[in-house]
Every structure is written in structure tokens, then in C-alpha cells.
Amino acid sequence: MAISKVDFSSAKEMAPYLEQPKAMYVGAPGKTGYLFMGFELDKSGKSIMRDLDRRSPIIVQQELYFDEEMPEMPCVYILSAGGPNIDGDRYEQNITVRKDAFAFVSTGAATKLSEMKYNYSGLKQEFVLEDHAYLEFLPEPLIPCRHTRFISDTKLVIAPTATLFYSEVFMGGRKHYGDGELFEYDILSVCCHGERPDGEQLFREKFIIDPNKYSPRNLGVMHNYDVFANVIVMTPKEHADKIYEQITPFIDNEKQIAAGITYLPNQSGLLFKVLGMEPGPVKKVIRDFCSKVRLQVKGKPVPAEFPWR
């Protein structure tokens, strides 16, 4: 267990938010969540969650096999024993998918970020996919409240033959709370970087949203949209090329949703982005894109989402 790695004090953008909370201090029990999940094939060739180590408030449900198109794939949901992320929370999540194994991982509900007065909430993640591994990571949206401070750093270590579908959905805030609460958070700092198992660096993407310094409503940023999704697909070039050919970027002014796609550097995969007004339609575009990825890599589509999701 390496909770000490969850340290963002060197991040310049978080320098104004280093005061200790007046209630529970940074690193207090219940405020430092840890998770490690390891997937592998068992002796019969079934993909299973072989390893699980977690610390409160993170909870992990037992793997289920409900995907009608891939009934052999374990589906796992990450939950929280507490409420929203609060001042001084630190989380670390590590997911390893070993050779030839595959899995689907999501969250049980949206991640809420509460109002913060002193410090910030931080999340470090590391995904490791070995040869021919396959992982779909589709968590529910992240919702920042007024005066939220949040930073995340995600490391993607992918073998050249593996495929990772990694998505993030960011709400502008509690849109339907009172008179609305959009882009009233203090700061969101989000970084993803990919590399090979031998340490070869593939790409790095980081965006910092500070509404008090630069409005997300500016043209070329969010403008009139309220929801932003970022999807990274790391996959072999032959798969990436065929997936890319199937995607047509669009702006639908009537439905108020837009999507675009580009290649990641170093022939490491694809970058897909979606803008919308509500999370439902944005999640559907992501899911449709994921289905194209799975068809290309696994030969099977993604089934329709459950109505209650």
C-alpha cells in the first residue's frame, strides 16, 4: 500500500489550496482511499478479478457477468462508503489487467465534489495492461460544486498489443441545483499520460480549468455547452486506423451535442471528445463509440445501457 504517492503539493496550480482543513486533516482515516484490482485468466480461460485490496471509503462490488454480448467478461463497480469528495480527500486507484485478460469497470454513481474552503481533493490512478489485455473504463460523470478544488493524475501503461478504452465525463456543476450552479468551482486540474511497459513515453495531456481566471464559456472552450467528455483509446495502429475511419466528427445544433476525434501521438491510439448539454446524450455517444472499439478489437458490440443508468 503506497498512499504516500498521493501528493500534489508540487503542482503550481494547487499552491493556493494547501491549508489544512479545520476538521479532519489531510490523510486522516476515511479520507485516504486506496484501491488495487488485478484481473487475469483462470485455469479454464475465464477472466476473473484475482486481486482486490481496498481502503475505506472505497468499496468494490463483486465482479458480475451481465454483459449479454460478452458474458465471459467481469463487470465491476467502484463505490464509496461516504458522501461526496470533501476538503483534503486523497484517493489512489490502481487497475492491472494481465496477459489476455479483459474487464469492464465503472462507478456506481456520479462522483460529487463538495464545496471546499481550505484544501482540495486529489486522485492518482494507474492502469497497467499486459499483452493482449482489454479494459473498458467508463465511470459516471464528475460533478463539481461551487468552490470545488480537484486535481487528478492518471498514468496509462499499455503493452503494444493491448487495448484500453478510458473515459471521463465532466459536468459544469450542479446545473439543476437552485437557480443553477455552472462553472462556479475554483479549479479542476486533469492530467493523463501514456507509456509502454519499458518506460517509453507516448503522450501527455493536461488541462487546467480556472473559471475565475478564464471563463469556460469563451468560444473555443465550452462556449454554450455544459458537459465535456474526454475519451482515450490506446490500441494497436491497425485497430486505431479502422476505428478512425468509422467516426465522423459532427456538430448537431438541434440536439446540442458535438464530437470530434484525432490520433494520439506515437501511433498509440485515438483521442475522442464530446460536448453536450446533459450527461445522458453524452454518455450515449461515448457508449456508441465504445461499441465500435469493441467490435474492432473483440468482434462483439456493447449492449444497450440499462434504463436506470
Protein backbone atom coordinates (compact mmCIF):
# COMPACT_ATOMS: atom_id res chain seq x y z
CA MET A 1 0.00 0.00 0.00
CA ALA A 2 1.56 3.29 -1.17
CA ILE A 3 -0.78 6.03 -0.10
CA SER A 4 2.14 8.46 0.21
CA LYS A 5 2.21 8.73 -3.59
CA VAL A 6 -0.99 10.81 -3.48
CA ASP A 7 0.81 14.12 -3.20
CA PHE A 8 0.09 17.10 -5.43
CA SER A 9 1.81 19.75 -3.32
CA SER A 10 4.30 20.42 -6.15
CA ALA A 11 1.51 21.27 -8.62
CA LYS A 12 1.70 25.06 -9.03
CA GLU A 13 -2.00 25.42 -9.72
CA MET A 14 -2.83 23.93 -6.31
CA ALA A 15 -0.48 26.23 -4.36
CA PRO A 16 -3.32 28.48 -3.11
CA TYR A 17 -5.11 25.47 -1.59
CA LEU A 18 -2.63 23.87 0.81
CA GLU A 19 -4.16 24.89 4.15
CA GLN A 20 -5.06 22.03 6.47
CA PRO A 21 -8.83 21.56 6.85
CA LYS A 22 -10.13 22.65 10.25
CA ALA A 23 -11.98 19.38 10.80
CA MET A 24 -10.31 16.15 9.63
CA TYR A 25 -6.72 16.67 8.47
CA VAL A 26 -5.33 15.55 5.10
CA GLY A 27 -4.57 11.82 5.29
CA ALA A 28 -6.93 11.14 8.19
CA PRO A 29 -8.57 7.69 8.33
CA GLY A 30 -11.55 7.62 6.00
CA LYS A 31 -10.14 10.47 3.89
CA THR A 32 -7.41 8.48 2.13
CA GLY A 33 -8.96 5.87 -0.15
CA TYR A 34 -6.87 3.16 -1.80
CA LEU A 35 -7.74 0.54 -4.40
CA PHE A 36 -5.89 -2.17 -6.28
CA MET A 37 -7.67 -4.55 -8.64
CA GLY A 38 -5.96 -7.23 -10.69
CA PHE A 39 -7.67 -9.17 -13.48
CA GLU A 40 -6.33 -12.35 -15.07
CA LEU A 41 -7.42 -15.56 -16.77
CA ASP A 42 -8.05 -18.58 -14.55
CA LYS A 43 -7.12 -22.14 -15.50
CA SER A 44 -10.30 -22.51 -17.55
CA GLY A 45 -9.56 -19.34 -19.53
CA LYS A 46 -12.22 -17.26 -17.75
CA SER A 47 -11.32 -13.65 -16.95
CA ILE A 48 -11.66 -13.02 -13.21
CA MET A 49 -10.77 -10.40 -10.61
CA ARG A 50 -7.89 -12.25 -8.96
CA ASP A 51 -6.63 -9.44 -6.69
CA LEU A 52 -8.50 -6.89 -4.61
CA ASP A 53 -7.10 -4.55 -1.98
CA ARG A 54 -9.04 -1.52 -0.84
CA ARG A 55 -9.17 1.05 1.95
CA SER A 56 -12.21 2.98 3.15
CA PRO A 57 -14.10 4.86 1.87
CA ILE A 58 -13.65 2.92 -1.40
CA ILE A 59 -15.87 -0.12 -1.83
CA VAL A 60 -15.75 -2.60 -4.73
CA GLN A 61 -18.63 -4.85 -5.65
CA GLN A 62 -18.01 -8.48 -6.50
CA GLU A 63 -17.49 -8.93 -10.23
CA LEU A 64 -20.63 -9.76 -12.19
CA TYR A 65 -21.05 -11.28 -15.64
CA PHE A 66 -24.09 -9.48 -17.02
CA ASP A 67 -22.78 -8.23 -20.39
CA GLU A 68 -25.02 -10.04 -22.88
CA GLU A 69 -22.54 -9.61 -25.73
CA MET A 70 -19.52 -10.70 -23.67
CA PRO A 71 -20.89 -12.88 -20.85
CA GLU A 72 -17.33 -14.05 -20.16
CA MET A 73 -16.25 -10.51 -19.16
CA PRO A 74 -16.20 -9.49 -15.47
CA CYS A 75 -18.04 -6.22 -14.77
CA VAL A 76 -17.02 -4.35 -11.61
CA TYR A 77 -18.39 -1.21 -9.95
CA ILE A 78 -16.40 1.08 -7.67
CA LEU A 79 -18.47 2.64 -4.87
CA SER A 80 -17.88 4.95 -1.92
CA ALA A 81 -18.85 4.41 1.72
CA GLY A 82 -19.05 8.15 2.29
CA GLY A 83 -20.74 11.03 0.53
CA PRO A 84 -19.04 13.39 -1.91
CA ASN A 85 -15.30 14.08 -2.05
CA ILE A 86 -14.50 16.73 0.55
CA ASP A 87 -11.71 19.06 1.65
CA GLY A 88 -8.42 17.18 1.97
CA ASP A 89 -9.53 13.85 0.50
CA ARG A 90 -6.85 11.82 -1.28
CA TYR A 91 -7.54 8.77 -3.42
CA GLU A 92 -5.35 6.25 -5.23
CA GLN A 93 -6.70 3.70 -7.72
CA ASN A 94 -4.65 1.02 -9.48
CA ILE A 95 -6.04 -1.44 -12.03
CA THR A 96 -3.94 -4.17 -13.67
CA VAL A 97 -5.21 -6.40 -16.48
CA ARG A 98 -2.79 -9.24 -17.07
CA LYS A 99 -1.96 -11.08 -20.29
CA ASP A 100 -5.03 -11.92 -22.42
CA ALA A 101 -7.48 -10.92 -19.66
CA PHE A 102 -10.33 -8.42 -20.07
CA ALA A 103 -12.73 -6.44 -17.88
CA PHE A 104 -15.30 -3.65 -17.64
CA VAL A 105 -15.04 -1.15 -14.76
CA SER A 106 -17.39 1.70 -13.85
CA THR A 107 -18.67 3.58 -10.80
CA GLY A 108 -21.99 3.07 -9.06
CA ALA A 109 -22.93 6.74 -9.30
CA ALA A 110 -21.57 10.12 -10.27
CA THR A 111 -18.57 11.43 -8.30
CA LYS A 112 -19.69 14.53 -6.42
CA LEU A 113 -17.13 17.12 -5.33
CA SER A 114 -18.40 19.17 -2.39
CA GLU A 115 -17.67 22.81 -1.60
CA MET A 116 -14.16 23.25 -0.17
CA LYS A 117 -12.72 26.03 1.99
CA TYR A 118 -9.12 25.12 2.82
CA ASN A 119 -7.60 22.34 0.73
CA TYR A 120 -8.54 20.21 -2.29
CA SER A 121 -9.43 16.66 -3.33
CA GLY A 122 -6.81 14.66 -5.25
CA LEU A 123 -6.88 11.41 -7.24
CA LYS A 124 -3.97 9.37 -8.59
CA GLN A 125 -4.67 6.47 -10.94
CA GLU A 126 -2.53 3.89 -12.67
CA PHE A 127 -3.76 1.43 -15.29
CA VAL A 128 -1.45 -1.39 -16.40
CA LEU A 129 -2.43 -3.59 -19.35
CA GLU A 130 -0.21 -6.51 -20.34
CA ASP A 131 -0.02 -8.23 -23.76
CA HIS A 132 -3.41 -8.59 -25.50
CA ALA A 133 -5.26 -7.32 -22.41
CA TYR A 134 -8.53 -5.40 -22.87
CA LEU A 135 -10.21 -2.94 -20.48
CA GLU A 136 -13.25 -0.69 -20.71
CA PHE A 137 -13.26 2.04 -18.05
CA LEU A 138 -16.50 4.06 -18.20
CA PRO A 139 -17.17 5.83 -14.88
CA GLU A 140 -20.20 8.01 -14.24
CA PRO A 141 -19.73 11.81 -14.53
CA LEU A 142 -17.80 14.02 -12.13
CA ILE A 143 -19.89 16.87 -10.67
CA PRO A 144 -18.03 19.82 -9.10
CA CYS A 145 -19.98 22.02 -6.68
CA ARG A 146 -19.34 25.70 -6.03
CA HIS A 147 -15.74 26.33 -4.81
CA THR A 148 -14.61 22.78 -5.57
CA ARG A 149 -10.83 22.21 -5.95
CA PHE A 150 -9.88 18.95 -7.68
CA ILE A 151 -6.74 17.52 -9.25
CA SER A 152 -6.14 14.14 -10.87
CA ASP A 153 -3.18 12.39 -12.45
CA THR A 154 -3.74 9.21 -14.50
CA LYS A 155 -0.89 7.00 -15.73
CA LEU A 156 -1.67 4.54 -18.53
CA VAL A 157 0.93 1.78 -19.00
CA ILE A 158 -0.11 -0.24 -22.03
CA ALA A 159 1.57 -3.09 -23.90
CA PRO A 160 1.65 -2.54 -27.70
CA THR A 161 -0.89 -5.35 -28.27
CA ALA A 162 -3.34 -4.29 -25.53
CA THR A 163 -6.44 -2.08 -25.78
CA LEU A 164 -7.69 0.41 -23.20
CA PHE A 165 -10.92 2.39 -23.51
CA TYR A 166 -10.63 5.15 -20.88
CA SER A 167 -13.34 7.80 -20.50
CA GLU A 168 -14.04 10.78 -18.25
CA VAL A 169 -17.19 12.93 -18.18
CA PHE A 170 -17.11 16.36 -16.53
CA MET A 171 -20.24 18.28 -15.62
CA GLY A 172 -20.05 22.06 -15.42
CA GLY A 173 -21.57 21.85 -11.95
CA ARG A 174 -24.94 21.21 -10.35
CA LYS A 175 -26.92 22.50 -13.30
CA HIS A 176 -30.35 21.93 -11.78
CA TYR A 177 -29.48 22.99 -8.22
CA GLY A 178 -31.45 26.07 -7.22
CA ASP A 179 -31.03 28.63 -9.99
CA GLY A 180 -28.16 26.61 -11.43
CA GLU A 181 -24.53 26.30 -10.44
CA LEU A 182 -22.35 26.04 -13.55
CA PHE A 183 -18.60 26.72 -13.65
CA GLU A 184 -18.58 28.15 -10.14
CA TYR A 185 -15.85 25.78 -8.92
CA ASP A 186 -12.38 27.12 -8.08
CA ILE A 187 -10.21 24.77 -10.14
CA LEU A 188 -10.14 21.44 -11.99
CA SER A 189 -6.71 20.10 -12.98
CA VAL A 190 -6.76 16.87 -15.01
CA CYS A 191 -3.74 15.05 -16.46
CA CYS A 192 -3.45 11.77 -18.41
CA HIS A 193 -0.17 10.35 -19.72
CA GLY A 194 0.57 7.13 -21.53
CA GLU A 195 3.66 4.97 -21.79
CA ARG A 196 4.87 1.49 -22.72
CA PRO A 197 5.92 -1.08 -20.10
CA ASP A 198 9.58 -0.32 -20.90
CA GLY A 199 9.05 3.34 -19.97
CA GLU A 200 8.77 4.77 -23.50
CA GLN A 201 6.69 7.95 -23.23
CA LEU A 202 3.78 8.14 -25.67
CA PHE A 203 1.73 11.22 -24.85
CA ARG A 204 0.69 13.61 -22.11
CA GLU A 205 -2.48 15.69 -21.97
CA LYS A 206 -3.25 18.15 -19.19
CA PHE A 207 -5.93 20.77 -18.87
CA ILE A 208 -6.47 23.22 -16.03
CA ILE A 209 -9.85 24.92 -15.71
CA ASP A 210 -9.88 28.01 -13.51
CA PRO A 211 -13.19 29.81 -14.18
CA ASN A 212 -12.11 32.85 -12.16
CA LYS A 213 -9.18 33.48 -14.50
CA TYR A 214 -10.55 32.30 -17.84
CA SER A 215 -14.21 31.62 -18.45
CA PRO A 216 -15.06 28.19 -19.89
CA ARG A 217 -17.91 29.98 -21.69
CA ASN A 218 -15.43 31.53 -24.13
CA LEU A 219 -15.70 30.48 -27.76
CA GLY A 220 -13.27 27.64 -28.43
CA VAL A 221 -13.59 26.27 -24.88
CA MET A 222 -17.06 25.15 -23.68
CA HIS A 223 -18.98 28.14 -25.10
CA ASN A 224 -22.67 27.23 -24.64
CA TYR A 225 -22.14 23.57 -23.71
CA ASP A 226 -22.39 22.29 -20.13
CA VAL A 227 -20.87 18.78 -20.30
CA PHE A 228 -17.43 17.71 -21.54
CA ALA A 229 -16.20 14.15 -22.12
CA ASN A 230 -12.64 13.05 -22.78
CA VAL A 231 -12.02 9.55 -24.16
CA ILE A 232 -8.61 7.93 -24.69
CA VAL A 233 -8.35 4.71 -26.69
CA MET A 234 -4.93 3.09 -26.61
CA THR A 235 -4.82 0.26 -29.13
CA PRO A 236 -2.58 -1.14 -31.89
CA LYS A 237 -2.31 1.05 -35.00
CA GLU A 238 -4.19 -1.40 -37.23
CA HIS A 239 -7.19 -1.18 -34.90
CA ALA A 240 -6.90 2.60 -34.48
CA ASP A 241 -6.92 3.19 -38.25
CA LYS A 242 -10.07 1.10 -38.79
CA ILE A 243 -11.88 2.71 -35.84
CA TYR A 244 -10.92 6.20 -37.03
CA GLU A 245 -12.40 5.50 -40.48
CA GLN A 246 -15.79 4.75 -38.87
CA ILE A 247 -16.06 8.02 -36.92
CA THR A 248 -17.46 11.20 -38.48
CA PRO A 249 -16.96 14.33 -36.35
CA PHE A 250 -20.19 16.31 -36.02
CA ILE A 251 -21.91 19.34 -34.52
CA ASP A 252 -25.65 18.84 -34.04
CA ASN A 253 -27.10 22.24 -33.19
CA GLU A 254 -30.62 20.87 -32.86
CA LYS A 255 -29.68 18.24 -30.26
CA GLN A 256 -26.91 20.48 -28.86
CA ILE A 257 -24.17 17.88 -28.95
CA ALA A 258 -20.82 17.66 -30.76
CA ALA A 259 -17.97 15.18 -31.07
CA GLY A 260 -14.54 15.01 -32.66
CA ILE A 261 -11.66 12.56 -33.00
CA THR A 262 -7.92 12.66 -33.61
CA TYR A 263 -4.91 10.39 -33.35
CA LEU A 264 -2.75 10.18 -30.23
CA PRO A 265 0.99 10.73 -30.74
CA ASN A 266 3.42 7.89 -31.43
CA GLN A 267 0.78 5.68 -33.06
CA SER A 268 -0.59 4.88 -29.60
CA GLY A 269 -4.29 5.22 -30.33
CA LEU A 270 -7.12 7.75 -30.53
CA LEU A 271 -8.45 10.78 -28.66
CA PHE A 272 -12.21 11.35 -28.76
CA LYS A 273 -14.03 14.35 -27.26
CA VAL A 274 -17.73 15.07 -26.77
CA LEU A 275 -19.61 18.24 -25.79
CA GLY A 276 -23.25 18.33 -24.76
CA MET A 277 -25.89 19.85 -22.52
CA GLU A 278 -26.87 16.83 -20.39
CA PRO A 279 -24.90 13.72 -19.33
CA GLY A 280 -27.34 11.20 -20.85
CA PRO A 281 -26.79 12.05 -24.53
CA VAL A 282 -23.04 12.48 -23.97
CA LYS A 283 -22.79 9.05 -22.33
CA LYS A 284 -24.71 7.53 -25.27
CA VAL A 285 -22.20 8.94 -27.78
CA ILE A 286 -19.37 7.51 -25.67
CA ARG A 287 -21.06 4.14 -25.43
CA ASP A 288 -21.68 4.03 -29.19
CA PHE A 289 -18.00 4.83 -29.74
CA CYS A 290 -17.00 2.12 -27.27
CA SER A 291 -19.14 -0.34 -29.20
CA LYS A 292 -17.19 0.41 -32.39
CA VAL A 293 -13.93 -0.10 -30.50
CA ARG A 294 -15.09 -3.42 -29.03
CA LEU A 295 -16.36 -4.64 -32.41
CA GLN A 296 -12.99 -3.93 -33.95
CA VAL A 297 -10.92 -5.46 -31.16
CA LYS A 298 -13.18 -8.21 -29.80
CA GLY A 299 -15.68 -8.73 -32.61
CA LYS A 300 -18.64 -8.04 -30.31
CA PRO A 301 -20.69 -4.84 -29.74
CA VAL A 302 -21.51 -3.12 -26.48
CA PRO A 303 -25.10 -3.95 -25.40
CA ALA A 304 -27.71 -1.28 -24.76
CA GLU A 305 -27.29 0.52 -21.44
CA PHE A 306 -29.63 -0.41 -18.59
CA PRO A 307 -32.59 2.03 -18.45
CA TRP A 308 -31.80 3.04 -14.85
CA ARG A 309 -28.24 4.10 -15.75
